Amino acid sequence: MSRLTSLWRVLTLHCEAASELSSRELDDSLPRLDRAALFCHVLACRSCLRFRAQVRLIRKAVRRRAQLLAETDSTEDRLSTEARYRIALKCREDGRNDAGAETTLE
């Protein structure tokens, strides 16, 4: 690609291409020309700058959630046996049979 073509690409990047590059940037490192084009575009386009920031924030939140789930014990989020029993008892009193197959009443 000639220098003139490269410069033209940097200066004429459209929002659609910028949003695609912003998304791709999260998974792979962009080639130097694409990074330069994206950088120049977000300097001039507030919408694409905002989109890029939002995409990064979402990725950070997803990673943080995955990290927290890995750190916590899976049994912490579950109901205790006593709570399951009380729910099943209340459902039976109300005449419903959808208390769950795991809980049996004596």
Protein backbone atom coordinates (compact mmCIF):
# COMPACT_ATOMS: atom_id res chain seq x y z
CA MET A 1 0.00 0.00 0.00
CA SER A 2 1.47 3.36 -0.97
CA ARG A 3 2.01 6.10 1.57
CA LEU A 4 -0.63 8.24 -0.08
CA THR A 5 -3.17 5.41 0.15
CA SER A 6 -2.23 4.84 3.79
CA LEU A 7 -2.63 8.50 4.61
CA TRP A 8 -5.96 8.60 2.80
CA ARG A 9 -7.20 5.62 4.85
CA VAL A 10 -6.18 7.30 8.10
CA LEU A 11 -7.94 10.53 7.17
CA THR A 12 -11.14 9.05 5.75
CA LEU A 13 -12.07 6.31 8.21
CA HIS A 14 -15.87 6.14 8.54
CA CYS A 15 -17.75 5.49 11.78
CA GLU A 16 -18.79 1.99 10.74
CA ALA A 17 -15.17 0.98 10.15
CA ALA A 18 -14.09 2.71 13.37
CA SER A 19 -16.63 0.78 15.44
CA GLU A 20 -15.48 -2.47 13.83
CA LEU A 21 -11.86 -1.63 14.64
CA SER A 22 -12.80 -0.71 18.21
CA SER A 23 -14.40 -4.10 18.68
CA ARG A 24 -11.57 -5.96 16.99
CA GLU A 25 -9.05 -4.06 19.11
CA LEU A 26 -10.31 -5.87 22.19
CA ASP A 27 -9.44 -9.30 20.82
CA ASP A 28 -6.30 -8.65 18.78
CA SER A 29 -3.68 -5.98 18.46
CA LEU A 30 -4.40 -3.85 15.44
CA PRO A 31 -1.89 -3.21 12.69
CA ARG A 32 -0.14 0.15 12.98
CA LEU A 33 -2.15 1.73 10.14
CA ASP A 34 -5.49 0.66 11.66
CA ARG A 35 -4.44 1.95 15.09
CA ALA A 36 -3.48 5.30 13.57
CA ALA A 37 -6.72 5.54 11.60
CA LEU A 38 -8.80 4.71 14.67
CA PHE A 39 -6.87 7.14 16.85
CA CYS A 40 -7.33 9.98 14.36
CA HIS A 41 -11.00 9.17 13.92
CA VAL A 42 -11.85 9.15 17.63
CA LEU A 43 -10.04 12.47 18.03
CA ALA A 44 -12.62 13.99 15.70
CA CYS A 45 -15.69 11.85 16.38
CA ARG A 46 -17.17 11.98 19.88
CA SER A 47 -19.70 9.24 19.10
CA CYS A 48 -17.00 6.75 18.19
CA LEU A 49 -14.92 7.82 21.18
CA ARG A 50 -17.93 7.14 23.42
CA PHE A 51 -18.58 3.79 21.70
CA ARG A 52 -14.96 2.75 22.19
CA ALA A 53 -15.12 3.66 25.87
CA GLN A 54 -18.38 1.72 26.31
CA VAL A 55 -16.97 -1.37 24.62
CA ARG A 56 -13.94 -1.25 26.89
CA LEU A 57 -16.15 -0.79 29.96
CA ILE A 58 -18.30 -3.79 29.02
CA ARG A 59 -15.23 -5.94 28.52
CA LYS A 60 -13.84 -4.85 31.89
CA ALA A 61 -17.15 -5.63 33.62
CA VAL A 62 -17.38 -9.08 32.02
CA ARG A 63 -13.82 -9.91 33.06
CA ARG A 64 -14.46 -8.66 36.60
CA ARG A 65 -17.64 -10.72 36.88
CA ALA A 66 -15.83 -13.83 35.67
CA GLN A 67 -13.09 -13.18 38.21
CA LEU A 68 -15.59 -12.78 41.05
CA LEU A 69 -17.44 -15.95 40.07
CA ALA A 70 -14.17 -17.86 40.07
CA GLU A 71 -13.29 -16.52 43.52
CA THR A 72 -16.60 -17.26 45.24
CA ASP A 73 -17.75 -20.65 46.34
CA SER A 74 -20.59 -21.88 44.16
CA THR A 75 -22.61 -22.90 47.21
CA GLU A 76 -22.81 -19.33 48.54
CA ASP A 77 -25.47 -18.36 46.00
CA ARG A 78 -27.70 -21.32 46.72
CA LEU A 79 -30.54 -21.60 49.18
CA SER A 80 -29.98 -23.49 52.38
CA THR A 81 -31.78 -26.79 52.95
CA GLU A 82 -34.00 -25.11 55.54
CA ALA A 83 -35.00 -22.35 53.13
CA ARG A 84 -35.80 -24.90 50.42
CA TYR A 85 -37.95 -26.82 52.92
CA ARG A 86 -39.88 -23.68 53.96
CA ILE A 87 -40.51 -22.73 50.32
CA ALA A 88 -41.70 -26.24 49.47
CA LEU A 89 -43.97 -26.29 52.53
CA LYS A 90 -45.49 -22.93 51.63
CA CYS A 91 -46.07 -24.05 48.03
CA ARG A 92 -47.82 -27.19 49.24
CA GLU A 93 -49.97 -25.14 51.61
CA ASP A 94 -50.96 -22.90 48.71
CA GLY A 95 -51.88 -25.96 46.66
CA ARG A 96 -49.05 -25.74 44.18
CA ASN A 97 -46.94 -28.71 43.20
CA ASP A 98 -44.08 -26.74 41.59
CA ALA A 99 -41.91 -26.74 44.69
CA GLY A 100 -39.15 -28.63 42.89
CA ALA A 101 -38.11 -32.22 42.72
CA GLU A 102 -35.08 -31.75 44.99
CA THR A 103 -37.06 -31.03 48.15
CA THR A 104 -39.11 -33.71 49.83
CA LEU A 105 -41.36 -33.17 52.78
CA GLU A 106 -41.60 -35.73 55.55
